[in-house]
Amino acid sequence: MARTNPLQFIQQVRSEVAKVVWPTRREVLLTTVMVFIMASLTAVFFALVDLVIRSGLTGVLNLFG
């Protein structure tokens, strides 16, 4: 593969960065809120699963203890 000189490389990088479609402020805000909502729901779900498993194990251990 042929080596590109640094000036050509910088020009290519600038042209590629110009093609990037950056999200709007509203899109960033909405996706951030959605991430926090999904993280909260996931935390609640796993807390409930943990509670159910812990209660079940405690019940089983009390039967044999």
Protein backbone atom coordinates (compact mmCIF):
# COMPACT_ATOMS: atom_id res chain seq x y z
CA MET A 1 0.00 0.00 0.00
CA ALA A 2 1.38 3.40 -0.96
CA ARG A 3 2.22 5.79 1.82
CA THR A 4 0.35 9.09 1.94
CA ASN A 5 2.25 12.20 2.80
CA PRO A 6 1.07 14.08 5.94
CA LEU A 7 -0.53 16.94 4.00
CA GLN A 8 -2.64 14.55 1.92
CA PHE A 9 -3.58 12.64 5.03
CA ILE A 10 -4.80 15.80 6.79
CA GLN A 11 -6.80 16.81 3.70
CA GLN A 12 -8.41 13.38 3.55
CA VAL A 13 -9.28 13.48 7.24
CA ARG A 14 -10.83 16.94 6.88
CA SER A 15 -12.91 15.81 3.90
CA GLU A 16 -14.15 12.73 5.80
CA VAL A 17 -15.01 14.77 8.90
CA ALA A 18 -16.99 17.16 6.68
CA LYS A 19 -19.18 14.20 5.64
CA VAL A 20 -20.19 13.43 9.22
CA VAL A 21 -23.80 14.25 10.05
CA TRP A 22 -23.72 15.61 13.59
CA PRO A 23 -26.83 15.19 15.77
CA THR A 24 -28.86 18.23 16.73
CA ARG A 25 -29.07 19.44 20.32
CA ARG A 26 -32.61 18.07 20.54
CA GLU A 27 -31.52 14.61 19.31
CA VAL A 28 -28.69 14.52 21.86
CA LEU A 29 -31.06 15.54 24.65
CA LEU A 30 -33.66 12.94 23.68
CA THR A 31 -31.18 10.09 23.39
CA THR A 32 -29.57 11.08 26.70
CA VAL A 33 -32.96 11.03 28.44
CA MET A 34 -33.75 7.65 26.85
CA VAL A 35 -30.45 6.21 28.07
CA PHE A 36 -31.16 7.37 31.63
CA ILE A 37 -34.68 5.92 31.48
CA MET A 38 -33.46 2.57 30.15
CA ALA A 39 -30.64 2.43 32.73
CA SER A 40 -33.14 3.14 35.51
CA LEU A 41 -35.55 0.47 34.28
CA THR A 42 -32.72 -2.04 34.02
CA ALA A 43 -31.55 -1.20 37.55
CA VAL A 44 -35.09 -1.68 38.92
CA PHE A 45 -35.48 -4.96 37.03
CA PHE A 46 -32.24 -6.42 38.36
CA ALA A 47 -33.00 -5.18 41.89
CA LEU A 48 -36.31 -7.05 41.75
CA VAL A 49 -34.67 -10.19 40.34
CA ASP A 50 -32.07 -10.01 43.11
CA LEU A 51 -34.80 -9.62 45.73
CA VAL A 52 -36.72 -12.63 44.39
CA ILE A 53 -33.62 -14.85 44.23
CA ARG A 54 -32.47 -13.75 47.69
CA SER A 55 -35.94 -14.43 49.17
CA GLY A 56 -36.09 -17.83 47.49
CA LEU A 57 -32.65 -18.85 48.71
CA THR A 58 -33.40 -17.62 52.23
CA GLY A 59 -36.62 -19.66 52.23
CA VAL A 60 -34.84 -22.80 51.01
CA LEU A 61 -32.02 -22.41 53.52
CA ASN A 62 -34.50 -21.91 56.37
CA LEU A 63 -36.19 -25.21 55.45
CA PHE A 64 -32.92 -27.10 55.89
CA GLY A 65 -31.49 -25.05 58.74
